[in-house]
Amino acid sequence: MRILIADDHGVVREGMKVLIENQPDMEVVGEAEDGLMVTQLAKELSPDIVLMDISMPNLNGVEATRLILTENPDIRVIALSVHLDKHFVTQMLKAGASGYVLKSCLFDEVLRALRTVNRSEHYLSPKITDVVLDDYIHYMATYNKSADDHLTARERHIVQMLAEGKSTKQIASRLHISPKTSDANRRQIMNKLGISSLAELTKYAIRKGLTSTEF
């Protein structure tokens, strides 16, 4: 089982790598410290499973999961997160994740999740399974009525970068577009969402799980 670990905390990556590589049927093929890096490594390494943190800089785990599975649907993603909030869980499941494990769990549960997902099954931490499944059914029935459903993947990425304090010039450089186009994208997104200031946009991004208060 070839595993790619994505987490912005080096100690988490290193600890997880040591524990995983003690298993005879598992190997860690790569590590990523942010969402952009994990999408690139997933493309280069084609791992069986990605252990994905949700709150990462540059590109969050939800958007990284969407990109990875769009390019290679055979890869399986397990969220490994501190977030118990139903919104984060449903966002990851909607993005295509096959599992969701809380960082507060013991490593035995991570192993169960890895082996379960490797059998093409789904795994959710017991603490959240019942509540999340009920909420997910309701969420999927109503999600397409919400405003953020009309944002494209590129627009959600721009919202995250704006909320994390990046200027339109920095965003233009990151996306390989002109500053004028970047500024036009910002205005279009804010108009689409009915938001008039960057402070409101930042609150929106945090509320929707596109970024967190850590950045």
N, C-alpha and C. Protein backbone atom coordinates (compact mmCIF):
# COMPACT_ATOMS: atom_id res chain seq x y z
N MET A 1 0.85 -1.18 0.00
CA MET A 1 0.00 0.00 0.00
C MET A 1 0.89 1.25 0.00
N ARG A 2 0.81 2.07 -1.02
CA ARG A 2 1.66 3.25 -1.17
C ARG A 2 0.89 4.49 -0.69
N ILE A 3 1.46 5.18 0.28
CA ILE A 3 0.75 6.26 0.96
C ILE A 3 1.49 7.58 0.83
N LEU A 4 0.75 8.64 0.54
CA LEU A 4 1.26 10.00 0.49
C LEU A 4 0.65 10.78 1.67
N ILE A 5 1.50 11.45 2.46
CA ILE A 5 1.03 12.18 3.64
C ILE A 5 1.07 13.67 3.36
N ALA A 6 -0.05 14.36 3.61
CA ALA A 6 -0.12 15.81 3.43
C ALA A 6 -0.54 16.46 4.75
N ASP A 7 0.35 17.25 5.33
CA ASP A 7 0.06 17.97 6.57
C ASP A 7 1.07 19.11 6.68
N ASP A 8 0.62 20.28 7.13
CA ASP A 8 1.52 21.42 7.20
C ASP A 8 2.40 21.40 8.45
N HIS A 9 2.21 20.41 9.33
CA HIS A 9 3.04 20.28 10.52
C HIS A 9 4.03 19.12 10.31
N GLY A 10 5.33 19.46 10.29
CA GLY A 10 6.35 18.46 10.04
C GLY A 10 6.36 17.33 11.06
N VAL A 11 6.09 17.66 12.32
CA VAL A 11 6.12 16.63 13.36
C VAL A 11 5.01 15.60 13.13
N VAL A 12 3.88 16.05 12.61
CA VAL A 12 2.78 15.12 12.31
C VAL A 12 3.18 14.19 11.17
N ARG A 13 3.75 14.77 10.14
CA ARG A 13 4.18 13.95 8.99
C ARG A 13 5.23 12.92 9.40
N GLU A 14 6.23 13.37 10.15
CA GLU A 14 7.30 12.47 10.54
C GLU A 14 6.80 11.35 11.46
N GLY A 15 5.95 11.72 12.42
CA GLY A 15 5.41 10.70 13.33
C GLY A 15 4.55 9.68 12.61
N MET A 16 3.72 10.16 11.70
CA MET A 16 2.86 9.27 10.94
C MET A 16 3.69 8.36 10.03
N LYS A 17 4.74 8.93 9.44
CA LYS A 17 5.59 8.14 8.54
C LYS A 17 6.25 6.98 9.29
N VAL A 18 6.79 7.26 10.46
CA VAL A 18 7.45 6.22 11.25
C VAL A 18 6.48 5.10 11.60
N LEU A 19 5.28 5.47 12.05
CA LEU A 19 4.28 4.46 12.45
C LEU A 19 3.81 3.63 11.26
N ILE A 20 3.58 4.30 10.14
CA ILE A 20 3.10 3.59 8.94
C ILE A 20 4.16 2.62 8.42
N GLU A 21 5.42 3.07 8.39
CA GLU A 21 6.46 2.22 7.79
C GLU A 21 6.87 1.06 8.69
N ASN A 22 6.31 1.02 9.90
CA ASN A 22 6.48 -0.17 10.74
C ASN A 22 5.55 -1.30 10.31
N GLN A 23 4.60 -0.98 9.41
CA GLN A 23 3.67 -1.99 8.92
C GLN A 23 4.27 -2.66 7.68
N PRO A 24 4.29 -3.97 7.63
CA PRO A 24 4.95 -4.67 6.51
C PRO A 24 4.30 -4.46 5.15
N ASP A 25 3.01 -4.09 5.16
CA ASP A 25 2.30 -3.95 3.89
C ASP A 25 2.12 -2.50 3.46
N MET A 26 2.85 -1.57 4.12
CA MET A 26 2.67 -0.14 3.83
C MET A 26 4.01 0.56 3.65
N GLU A 27 4.01 1.58 2.79
CA GLU A 27 5.18 2.44 2.66
C GLU A 27 4.72 3.88 2.37
N VAL A 28 5.46 4.82 2.90
CA VAL A 28 5.19 6.24 2.63
C VAL A 28 6.04 6.65 1.44
N VAL A 29 5.37 7.04 0.35
CA VAL A 29 6.10 7.37 -0.89
C VAL A 29 6.39 8.85 -1.02
N GLY A 30 5.76 9.68 -0.15
CA GLY A 30 6.02 11.11 -0.24
C GLY A 30 5.33 11.87 0.87
N GLU A 31 5.79 13.11 1.08
CA GLU A 31 5.22 14.00 2.08
C GLU A 31 5.01 15.38 1.46
N ALA A 32 3.91 16.03 1.85
CA ALA A 32 3.62 17.38 1.34
C ALA A 32 3.23 18.28 2.49
N GLU A 33 3.66 19.55 2.42
CA GLU A 33 3.38 20.48 3.50
C GLU A 33 2.25 21.46 3.19
N ASP A 34 1.73 21.42 1.97
CA ASP A 34 0.57 22.25 1.65
C ASP A 34 -0.24 21.61 0.52
N GLY A 35 -1.39 22.21 0.23
CA GLY A 35 -2.29 21.62 -0.74
C GLY A 35 -1.76 21.59 -2.16
N LEU A 36 -1.03 22.63 -2.56
CA LEU A 36 -0.47 22.64 -3.91
C LEU A 36 0.57 21.55 -4.09
N MET A 37 1.39 21.35 -3.06
CA MET A 37 2.44 20.33 -3.14
C MET A 37 1.84 18.93 -3.23
N VAL A 38 0.78 18.68 -2.47
CA VAL A 38 0.21 17.33 -2.49
C VAL A 38 -0.44 17.03 -3.84
N THR A 39 -1.05 18.03 -4.48
CA THR A 39 -1.63 17.77 -5.81
C THR A 39 -0.54 17.42 -6.81
N GLN A 40 0.61 18.10 -6.71
CA GLN A 40 1.71 17.82 -7.62
C GLN A 40 2.31 16.44 -7.37
N LEU A 41 2.52 16.11 -6.08
CA LEU A 41 3.11 14.81 -5.74
C LEU A 41 2.16 13.66 -6.10
N ALA A 42 0.86 13.89 -5.93
CA ALA A 42 -0.10 12.85 -6.30
C ALA A 42 -0.02 12.56 -7.79
N LYS A 43 0.19 13.61 -8.58
CA LYS A 43 0.32 13.45 -10.02
C LYS A 43 1.60 12.69 -10.38
N GLU A 44 2.69 13.00 -9.67
CA GLU A 44 3.98 12.38 -9.98
C GLU A 44 4.09 10.95 -9.44
N LEU A 45 3.54 10.70 -8.25
CA LEU A 45 3.78 9.43 -7.56
C LEU A 45 2.64 8.42 -7.68
N SER A 46 1.44 8.87 -8.02
CA SER A 46 0.26 8.00 -8.11
C SER A 46 0.15 7.05 -6.91
N PRO A 47 0.03 7.58 -5.69
CA PRO A 47 -0.09 6.71 -4.52
C PRO A 47 -1.43 6.00 -4.50
N ASP A 48 -1.52 4.96 -3.68
CA ASP A 48 -2.82 4.30 -3.51
C ASP A 48 -3.74 5.17 -2.65
N ILE A 49 -3.17 5.77 -1.60
CA ILE A 49 -3.97 6.54 -0.64
C ILE A 49 -3.22 7.82 -0.27
N VAL A 50 -3.98 8.91 -0.14
CA VAL A 50 -3.44 10.17 0.40
C VAL A 50 -4.07 10.41 1.76
N LEU A 51 -3.23 10.56 2.79
CA LEU A 51 -3.69 11.00 4.10
C LEU A 51 -3.66 12.52 4.07
N MET A 52 -4.83 13.16 4.11
CA MET A 52 -4.96 14.58 3.80
C MET A 52 -5.43 15.40 4.99
N ASP A 53 -4.57 16.33 5.43
CA ASP A 53 -5.02 17.32 6.40
C ASP A 53 -5.97 18.28 5.69
N ILE A 54 -6.87 18.92 6.43
CA ILE A 54 -7.82 19.84 5.80
C ILE A 54 -7.30 21.27 5.78
N SER A 55 -6.84 21.77 6.94
CA SER A 55 -6.40 23.16 7.05
C SER A 55 -4.93 23.28 6.70
N MET A 56 -4.66 23.57 5.41
CA MET A 56 -3.29 23.76 4.95
C MET A 56 -3.20 25.06 4.17
N PRO A 57 -2.05 25.71 4.16
CA PRO A 57 -1.90 26.96 3.41
C PRO A 57 -1.86 26.72 1.90
N ASN A 58 -2.07 27.83 1.15
CA ASN A 58 -2.00 27.87 -0.32
C ASN A 58 -3.18 27.17 -1.00
N LEU A 59 -3.51 25.96 -0.56
CA LEU A 59 -4.69 25.26 -1.07
C LEU A 59 -5.13 24.29 0.01
N ASN A 60 -6.38 24.42 0.46
CA ASN A 60 -6.84 23.56 1.57
C ASN A 60 -7.08 22.13 1.11
N GLY A 61 -7.25 21.25 2.07
CA GLY A 61 -7.39 19.83 1.78
C GLY A 61 -8.61 19.47 0.97
N VAL A 62 -9.69 20.23 1.13
CA VAL A 62 -10.91 19.96 0.36
C VAL A 62 -10.66 20.19 -1.12
N GLU A 63 -10.09 21.36 -1.45
CA GLU A 63 -9.84 21.67 -2.85
C GLU A 63 -8.75 20.77 -3.43
N ALA A 64 -7.74 20.45 -2.62
CA ALA A 64 -6.69 19.54 -3.09
C ALA A 64 -7.27 18.16 -3.41
N THR A 65 -8.20 17.70 -2.58
CA THR A 65 -8.86 16.41 -2.83
C THR A 65 -9.63 16.44 -4.15
N ARG A 66 -10.37 17.53 -4.39
CA ARG A 66 -11.12 17.65 -5.65
C ARG A 66 -10.18 17.56 -6.85
N LEU A 67 -9.09 18.29 -6.79
CA LEU A 67 -8.15 18.31 -7.92
C LEU A 67 -7.52 16.94 -8.15
N ILE A 68 -7.08 16.30 -7.07
CA ILE A 68 -6.42 15.00 -7.18
C ILE A 68 -7.37 13.97 -7.79
N LEU A 69 -8.59 13.92 -7.30
CA LEU A 69 -9.53 12.89 -7.76
C LEU A 69 -10.08 13.19 -9.15
N THR A 70 -10.07 14.45 -9.54
CA THR A 70 -10.45 14.80 -10.91
C THR A 70 -9.42 14.26 -11.89
N GLU A 71 -8.15 14.37 -11.53
CA GLU A 71 -7.07 13.91 -12.41
C GLU A 71 -6.82 12.41 -12.31
N ASN A 72 -7.04 11.85 -11.13
CA ASN A 72 -6.81 10.41 -10.95
C ASN A 72 -7.83 9.83 -9.97
N PRO A 73 -8.99 9.42 -10.46
CA PRO A 73 -10.04 8.91 -9.58
C PRO A 73 -9.72 7.59 -8.90
N ASP A 74 -8.61 6.95 -9.30
CA ASP A 74 -8.23 5.69 -8.65
C ASP A 74 -7.54 5.91 -7.30
N ILE A 75 -7.04 7.13 -7.09
CA ILE A 75 -6.43 7.45 -5.80
C ILE A 75 -7.53 7.59 -4.76
N ARG A 76 -7.27 7.11 -3.54
CA ARG A 76 -8.25 7.26 -2.46
C ARG A 76 -7.70 8.25 -1.44
N VAL A 77 -8.58 9.07 -0.91
CA VAL A 77 -8.18 10.11 0.04
C VAL A 77 -8.84 9.87 1.39
N ILE A 78 -8.03 9.95 2.45
CA ILE A 78 -8.55 9.90 3.82
C ILE A 78 -8.22 11.22 4.49
N ALA A 79 -9.22 11.92 4.98
CA ALA A 79 -8.98 13.15 5.73
C ALA A 79 -8.49 12.78 7.12
N LEU A 80 -7.43 13.44 7.56
CA LEU A 80 -6.90 13.25 8.91
C LEU A 80 -6.89 14.64 9.53
N SER A 81 -7.88 14.92 10.39
CA SER A 81 -8.11 16.31 10.78
C SER A 81 -8.48 16.46 12.25
N VAL A 82 -8.27 17.68 12.76
CA VAL A 82 -8.72 18.01 14.12
C VAL A 82 -10.18 18.42 14.11
N HIS A 83 -10.73 18.70 12.93
CA HIS A 83 -12.07 19.26 12.84
C HIS A 83 -13.16 18.20 13.00
N LEU A 84 -14.02 18.41 13.99
CA LEU A 84 -15.17 17.55 14.20
C LEU A 84 -16.43 18.17 13.60
N ASP A 85 -16.34 19.43 13.19
CA ASP A 85 -17.48 20.16 12.64
C ASP A 85 -18.04 19.44 11.41
N LYS A 86 -19.36 19.31 11.37
CA LYS A 86 -20.01 18.58 10.28
C LYS A 86 -19.75 19.22 8.92
N HIS A 87 -19.56 20.53 8.91
CA HIS A 87 -19.34 21.20 7.63
C HIS A 87 -18.05 20.70 6.97
N PHE A 88 -16.97 20.59 7.74
CA PHE A 88 -15.71 20.11 7.18
C PHE A 88 -15.85 18.67 6.69
N VAL A 89 -16.55 17.86 7.45
CA VAL A 89 -16.70 16.45 7.07
C VAL A 89 -17.49 16.33 5.77
N THR A 90 -18.61 17.02 5.67
CA THR A 90 -19.43 16.91 4.47
C THR A 90 -18.72 17.50 3.25
N GLN A 91 -17.94 18.56 3.46
CA GLN A 91 -17.17 19.12 2.35
C GLN A 91 -16.16 18.11 1.82
N MET A 92 -15.48 17.41 2.71
CA MET A 92 -14.51 16.41 2.28
C MET A 92 -15.18 15.23 1.57
N LEU A 93 -16.31 14.78 2.10
CA LEU A 93 -17.03 13.68 1.45
C LEU A 93 -17.53 14.09 0.07
N LYS A 94 -18.04 15.31 -0.03
CA LYS A 94 -18.51 15.79 -1.32
C LYS A 94 -17.36 15.92 -2.32
N ALA A 95 -16.17 16.25 -1.81
CA ALA A 95 -15.00 16.35 -2.69
C ALA A 95 -14.53 14.99 -3.17
N GLY A 96 -15.01 13.92 -2.51
CA GLY A 96 -14.66 12.57 -2.96
C GLY A 96 -13.83 11.75 -2.00
N ALA A 97 -13.58 12.27 -0.79
CA ALA A 97 -12.79 11.51 0.18
C ALA A 97 -13.48 10.20 0.54
N SER A 98 -12.69 9.17 0.75
CA SER A 98 -13.23 7.85 1.11
C SER A 98 -13.25 7.63 2.62
N GLY A 99 -12.58 8.51 3.37
CA GLY A 99 -12.53 8.34 4.81
C GLY A 99 -12.28 9.65 5.52
N TYR A 100 -12.59 9.66 6.81
CA TYR A 100 -12.37 10.85 7.64
C TYR A 100 -12.03 10.36 9.04
N VAL A 101 -10.81 10.67 9.49
CA VAL A 101 -10.32 10.22 10.78
C VAL A 101 -9.89 11.43 11.60
N LEU A 102 -10.25 11.44 12.87
CA LEU A 102 -9.87 12.53 13.76
C LEU A 102 -8.44 12.35 14.24
N LYS A 103 -7.70 13.45 14.34
CA LYS A 103 -6.31 13.38 14.80
C LYS A 103 -6.22 12.98 16.27
N SER A 104 -7.33 13.09 16.98
CA SER A 104 -7.33 12.71 18.39
C SER A 104 -7.40 11.20 18.59
N CYS A 105 -7.59 10.45 17.51
CA CYS A 105 -7.72 9.00 17.63
C CYS A 105 -6.35 8.34 17.84
N LEU A 106 -6.34 7.08 18.20
CA LEU A 106 -5.11 6.30 18.31
C LEU A 106 -4.69 5.81 16.93
N PHE A 107 -3.42 5.45 16.77
CA PHE A 107 -2.93 5.04 15.46
C PHE A 107 -3.61 3.78 14.95
N ASP A 108 -4.09 2.93 15.86
CA ASP A 108 -4.81 1.72 15.43
C ASP A 108 -6.00 2.08 14.55
N GLU A 109 -6.64 3.20 14.86
CA GLU A 109 -7.78 3.61 14.04
C GLU A 109 -7.34 4.09 12.66
N VAL A 110 -6.20 4.77 12.60
CA VAL A 110 -5.66 5.17 11.31
C VAL A 110 -5.38 3.94 10.45
N LEU A 111 -4.82 2.90 11.07
CA LEU A 111 -4.56 1.65 10.33
C LEU A 111 -5.85 1.03 9.82
N ARG A 112 -6.89 1.02 10.67
CA ARG A 112 -8.18 0.48 10.23
C ARG A 112 -8.71 1.27 9.04
N ALA A 113 -8.58 2.59 9.12
CA ALA A 113 -9.05 3.43 8.03
C ALA A 113 -8.29 3.15 6.74
N LEU A 114 -6.97 3.05 6.83
CA LEU A 114 -6.16 2.77 5.65
C LEU A 114 -6.53 1.44 5.01
N ARG A 115 -6.66 0.41 5.82
CA ARG A 115 -6.96 -0.92 5.27
C ARG A 115 -8.39 -0.99 4.75
N THR A 116 -9.30 -0.30 5.41
CA THR A 116 -10.69 -0.28 4.95
C THR A 116 -10.81 0.43 3.61
N VAL A 117 -10.21 1.60 3.52
CA VAL A 117 -10.28 2.39 2.29
C VAL A 117 -9.53 1.69 1.16
N ASN A 118 -8.46 0.99 1.48
CA ASN A 118 -7.72 0.25 0.45
C ASN A 118 -8.53 -0.89 -0.15
N ARG A 119 -9.57 -1.30 0.57
CA ARG A 119 -10.50 -2.33 0.03
C ARG A 119 -11.64 -1.69 -0.73
N SER A 120 -11.48 -0.40 -1.05
CA SER A 120 -12.51 0.37 -1.78
C SER A 120 -13.78 0.55 -0.96
N GLU A 121 -13.64 0.56 0.36
CA GLU A 121 -14.75 0.85 1.25
C GLU A 121 -14.53 2.23 1.87
N HIS A 122 -15.52 2.69 2.65
CA HIS A 122 -15.43 3.99 3.30
C HIS A 122 -15.21 3.82 4.80
N TYR A 123 -14.55 4.82 5.39
CA TYR A 123 -14.31 4.76 6.83
C TYR A 123 -14.49 6.15 7.44
N LEU A 124 -15.30 6.22 8.51
CA LEU A 124 -15.47 7.44 9.29
C LEU A 124 -15.20 7.11 10.75
N SER A 125 -14.55 8.03 11.46
CA SER A 125 -14.32 7.83 12.89
C SER A 125 -15.65 7.57 13.60
N PRO A 126 -15.69 6.60 14.50
CA PRO A 126 -16.94 6.26 15.20
C PRO A 126 -17.61 7.46 15.87
N LYS A 127 -16.83 8.42 16.35
CA LYS A 127 -17.41 9.58 17.04
C LYS A 127 -18.35 10.39 16.16
N ILE A 128 -18.15 10.33 14.87
CA ILE A 128 -18.93 11.20 14.00
C ILE A 128 -19.83 10.47 13.00
N THR A 129 -19.74 9.17 12.93
CA THR A 129 -20.42 8.42 11.88
C THR A 129 -21.93 8.68 11.81
N ASP A 130 -22.65 8.45 12.90
CA ASP A 130 -24.11 8.57 12.87
C ASP A 130 -24.57 9.98 12.56
N VAL A 131 -24.00 10.95 13.24
CA VAL A 131 -24.40 12.33 13.03
C VAL A 131 -24.09 12.79 11.61
N VAL A 132 -22.89 12.44 11.14
CA VAL A 132 -22.46 12.88 9.82
C VAL A 132 -23.30 12.28 8.70
N LEU A 133 -23.59 11.00 8.78
CA LEU A 133 -24.39 10.38 7.72
C LEU A 133 -25.77 10.99 7.61
N ASP A 134 -26.42 11.25 8.75
CA ASP A 134 -27.73 11.90 8.73
C ASP A 134 -27.62 13.30 8.14
N ASP A 135 -26.61 14.04 8.57
CA ASP A 135 -26.43 15.40 8.09
C ASP A 135 -26.04 15.43 6.61
N TYR A 136 -25.25 14.45 6.20
CA TYR A 136 -24.79 14.42 4.81
C TYR A 136 -25.95 14.22 3.84
N ILE A 137 -26.89 13.37 4.19
CA ILE A 137 -28.06 13.15 3.34
C ILE A 137 -28.84 14.46 3.17
N HIS A 138 -29.06 15.16 4.29
CA HIS A 138 -29.76 16.44 4.24
C HIS A 138 -28.94 17.47 3.47
N TYR A 139 -27.65 17.48 3.72
CA TYR A 139 -26.75 18.46 3.10
C TYR A 139 -26.74 18.32 1.58
N MET A 140 -26.65 17.09 1.08
CA MET A 140 -26.61 16.86 -0.35
C MET A 140 -27.92 17.28 -1.03
N ALA A 141 -29.03 17.16 -0.30
CA ALA A 141 -30.32 17.53 -0.87
C ALA A 141 -30.48 19.04 -1.00
N THR A 142 -29.75 19.79 -0.19
CA THR A 142 -29.92 21.25 -0.17
C THR A 142 -28.72 22.03 -0.64
N TYR A 143 -27.59 21.38 -0.83
CA TYR A 143 -26.35 22.10 -1.10
C TYR A 143 -26.42 22.94 -2.37
N ASN A 144 -27.05 22.43 -3.43
CA ASN A 144 -27.03 23.14 -4.69
C ASN A 144 -27.86 24.42 -4.68
N LYS A 145 -28.51 24.68 -3.54
CA LYS A 145 -29.23 25.94 -3.41
C LYS A 145 -28.35 27.04 -2.82
N SER A 146 -27.17 26.70 -2.34
CA SER A 146 -26.32 27.68 -1.67
C SER A 146 -25.48 28.45 -2.67
N ALA A 147 -25.08 29.67 -2.28
CA ALA A 147 -24.35 30.56 -3.19
C ALA A 147 -23.00 30.00 -3.59
N ASP A 148 -22.29 29.38 -2.65
CA ASP A 148 -20.93 28.95 -2.97
C ASP A 148 -20.89 27.78 -3.93
N ASP A 149 -22.04 27.12 -4.18
CA ASP A 149 -22.09 26.04 -5.16
C ASP A 149 -21.84 26.59 -6.57
N HIS A 150 -22.06 27.92 -6.74
CA HIS A 150 -21.92 28.51 -8.06
C HIS A 150 -20.50 28.99 -8.32
N LEU A 151 -19.62 28.88 -7.33
CA LEU A 151 -18.22 29.23 -7.55
C LEU A 151 -17.50 28.07 -8.23
N THR A 152 -16.62 28.41 -9.15
CA THR A 152 -15.80 27.38 -9.78
C THR A 152 -14.64 27.01 -8.85
N ALA A 153 -13.93 25.93 -9.19
CA ALA A 153 -12.78 25.52 -8.39
C ALA A 153 -11.73 26.63 -8.37
N ARG A 154 -11.52 27.30 -9.52
CA ARG A 154 -10.56 28.40 -9.59
C ARG A 154 -11.00 29.55 -8.67
N GLU A 155 -12.30 29.86 -8.67
CA GLU A 155 -12.79 30.95 -7.84
C GLU A 155 -12.65 30.63 -6.35
N ARG A 156 -12.91 29.36 -5.96
CA ARG A 156 -12.73 28.99 -4.56
C ARG A 156 -11.27 29.11 -4.14
N HIS A 157 -10.36 28.76 -5.05
CA HIS A 157 -8.93 28.89 -4.78
C HIS A 157 -8.56 30.37 -4.58
N ILE A 158 -9.10 31.24 -5.42
CA ILE A 158 -8.83 32.67 -5.30
C ILE A 158 -9.37 33.21 -3.98
N VAL A 159 -10.58 32.78 -3.60
CA VAL A 159 -11.15 33.20 -2.32
C VAL A 159 -10.22 32.82 -1.17
N GLN A 160 -9.70 31.60 -1.19
CA GLN A 160 -8.79 31.18 -0.12
C GLN A 160 -7.56 32.07 -0.07
N MET A 161 -6.95 32.32 -1.22
CA MET A 161 -5.73 33.12 -1.23
C MET A 161 -5.99 34.56 -0.77
N LEU A 162 -7.12 35.14 -1.18
CA LEU A 162 -7.47 36.48 -0.73
C LEU A 162 -7.67 36.50 0.78
N ALA A 163 -8.36 35.49 1.30
CA ALA A 163 -8.63 35.41 2.73
C ALA A 163 -7.34 35.23 3.53
N GLU A 164 -6.33 34.62 2.91
CA GLU A 164 -5.05 34.41 3.58
C GLU A 164 -4.10 35.59 3.42
N GLY A 165 -4.63 36.71 2.85
CA GLY A 165 -3.86 37.95 2.80
C GLY A 165 -3.01 38.15 1.57
N LYS A 166 -3.16 37.30 0.57
CA LYS A 166 -2.36 37.47 -0.64
C LYS A 166 -2.94 38.59 -1.50
N SER A 167 -2.07 39.38 -2.10
CA SER A 167 -2.50 40.49 -2.95
C SER A 167 -2.92 39.96 -4.32
N THR A 168 -3.61 40.80 -5.10
CA THR A 168 -4.01 40.38 -6.44
C THR A 168 -2.78 40.12 -7.32
N LYS A 169 -1.67 40.85 -7.05
CA LYS A 169 -0.44 40.60 -7.81
C LYS A 169 0.15 39.24 -7.47
N GLN A 170 0.14 38.90 -6.19
CA GLN A 170 0.66 37.58 -5.78
C GLN A 170 -0.20 36.46 -6.35
N ILE A 171 -1.52 36.67 -6.34
CA ILE A 171 -2.44 35.67 -6.90
C ILE A 171 -2.21 35.53 -8.40
N ALA A 172 -2.02 36.67 -9.07
CA ALA A 172 -1.76 36.64 -10.51
C ALA A 172 -0.51 35.82 -10.82
N SER A 173 0.54 36.03 -10.01
CA SER A 173 1.79 35.28 -10.21
C SER A 173 1.57 33.79 -9.98
N ARG A 174 0.83 33.45 -8.92
CA ARG A 174 0.58 32.05 -8.58
C ARG A 174 -0.23 31.34 -9.67
N LEU A 175 -1.21 32.05 -10.26
CA LEU A 175 -2.10 31.44 -11.24
C LEU A 175 -1.65 31.67 -12.69
N HIS A 176 -0.52 32.39 -12.84
CA HIS A 176 0.02 32.67 -14.17
C HIS A 176 -0.97 33.46 -15.04
N ILE A 177 -1.54 34.50 -14.44
CA ILE A 177 -2.43 35.40 -15.15
C ILE A 177 -1.95 36.83 -14.90
N SER A 178 -2.52 37.80 -15.61
CA SER A 178 -2.11 39.19 -15.42
C SER A 178 -2.75 39.76 -14.16
N PRO A 179 -2.12 40.78 -13.53
CA PRO A 179 -2.73 41.43 -12.36
C PRO A 179 -4.11 42.00 -12.67
N LYS A 180 -4.29 42.49 -13.90
CA LYS A 180 -5.59 43.04 -14.29
C LYS A 180 -6.66 41.95 -14.27
N THR A 181 -6.32 40.78 -14.79
CA THR A 181 -7.27 39.65 -14.79
C THR A 181 -7.54 39.20 -13.36
N SER A 182 -6.50 39.17 -12.55
CA SER A 182 -6.66 38.77 -11.15
C SER A 182 -7.61 39.71 -10.41
N ASP A 183 -7.45 41.01 -10.63
CA ASP A 183 -8.32 41.98 -9.98
C ASP A 183 -9.76 41.85 -10.48
N ALA A 184 -9.92 41.58 -11.78
CA ALA A 184 -11.26 41.39 -12.35
C ALA A 184 -11.92 40.14 -11.75
N ASN A 185 -11.12 39.07 -11.55
CA ASN A 185 -11.65 37.85 -10.93
C ASN A 185 -12.13 38.13 -9.51
N ARG A 186 -11.34 38.93 -8.76
CA ARG A 186 -11.71 39.27 -7.38
C ARG A 186 -13.06 40.00 -7.36
N ARG A 187 -13.20 41.00 -8.25
CA ARG A 187 -14.46 41.77 -8.28
C ARG A 187 -15.64 40.88 -8.68
N GLN A 188 -15.40 39.99 -9.64
CA GLN A 188 -16.47 39.10 -10.10
C GLN A 188 -16.94 38.17 -8.99
N ILE A 189 -15.98 37.62 -8.23
CA ILE A 189 -16.32 36.72 -7.12
C ILE A 189 -17.11 37.46 -6.05
N MET A 190 -16.66 38.66 -5.69
CA MET A 190 -17.35 39.42 -4.65
C MET A 190 -18.76 39.82 -5.09
N ASN A 191 -18.90 40.14 -6.36
CA ASN A 191 -20.24 40.44 -6.88
C ASN A 191 -21.13 39.21 -6.86
N LYS A 192 -20.57 38.09 -7.24
CA LYS A 192 -21.33 36.84 -7.27
C LYS A 192 -21.84 36.46 -5.87
N LEU A 193 -20.98 36.71 -4.85
CA LEU A 193 -21.33 36.35 -3.48
C LEU A 193 -22.08 37.46 -2.75
N GLY A 194 -22.18 38.65 -3.37
CA GLY A 194 -22.84 39.77 -2.71
C GLY A 194 -22.03 40.29 -1.54
N ILE A 195 -20.69 40.24 -1.68
CA ILE A 195 -19.77 40.66 -0.62
C ILE A 195 -19.05 41.93 -1.08
N SER A 196 -18.89 42.90 -0.18
CA SER A 196 -18.35 44.20 -0.59
C SER A 196 -16.98 44.53 -0.02
N SER A 197 -16.44 43.67 0.87
CA SER A 197 -15.13 43.97 1.45
C SER A 197 -14.33 42.69 1.64
N LEU A 198 -13.01 42.84 1.74
CA LEU A 198 -12.15 41.68 1.97
C LEU A 198 -12.38 41.07 3.35
N ALA A 199 -12.76 41.91 4.31
CA ALA A 199 -13.05 41.39 5.65
C ALA A 199 -14.25 40.44 5.61
N GLU A 200 -15.28 40.82 4.85
CA GLU A 200 -16.45 39.95 4.70
C GLU A 200 -16.07 38.68 3.95
N LEU A 201 -15.21 38.83 2.94
CA LEU A 201 -14.78 37.67 2.15
C LEU A 201 -13.99 36.70 3.02
N THR A 202 -13.17 37.23 3.91
CA THR A 202 -12.39 36.38 4.82
C THR A 202 -13.32 35.61 5.75
N LYS A 203 -14.32 36.28 6.30
CA LYS A 203 -15.29 35.61 7.17
C LYS A 203 -16.02 34.52 6.40
N TYR A 204 -16.38 34.82 5.15
CA TYR A 204 -17.06 33.84 4.30
C TYR A 204 -16.17 32.60 4.09
N ALA A 205 -14.88 32.83 3.78
CA ALA A 205 -13.96 31.73 3.52
C ALA A 205 -13.80 30.84 4.74
N ILE A 206 -13.72 31.43 5.92
CA ILE A 206 -13.59 30.65 7.16
C ILE A 206 -14.87 29.88 7.42
N ARG A 207 -16.02 30.54 7.23
CA ARG A 207 -17.31 29.89 7.49
C ARG A 207 -17.53 28.70 6.56
N LYS A 208 -17.06 28.81 5.32
CA LYS A 208 -17.26 27.75 4.34
C LYS A 208 -16.15 26.71 4.35
N GLY A 209 -15.16 26.88 5.25
CA GLY A 209 -14.10 25.88 5.34
C GLY A 209 -13.04 25.98 4.27
N LEU A 210 -12.97 27.11 3.55
CA LEU A 210 -11.96 27.29 2.50
C LEU A 210 -10.59 27.63 3.10
N THR A 211 -10.60 28.16 4.31
CA THR A 211 -9.36 28.44 5.04
C THR A 211 -9.71 28.38 6.53
N SER A 212 -8.76 28.70 7.37
CA SER A 212 -9.03 28.68 8.80
C SER A 212 -8.39 29.88 9.46
N THR A 213 -8.68 30.07 10.75
CA THR A 213 -8.14 31.21 11.48
C THR A 213 -6.67 31.04 11.81
N GLU A 214 -6.07 29.90 11.42
CA GLU A 214 -4.65 29.66 11.69
C GLU A 214 -3.75 30.50 10.80
N PHE A 215 -4.30 31.01 9.69
CA PHE A 215 -3.44 31.72 8.73
C PHE A 215 -3.72 33.22 8.77
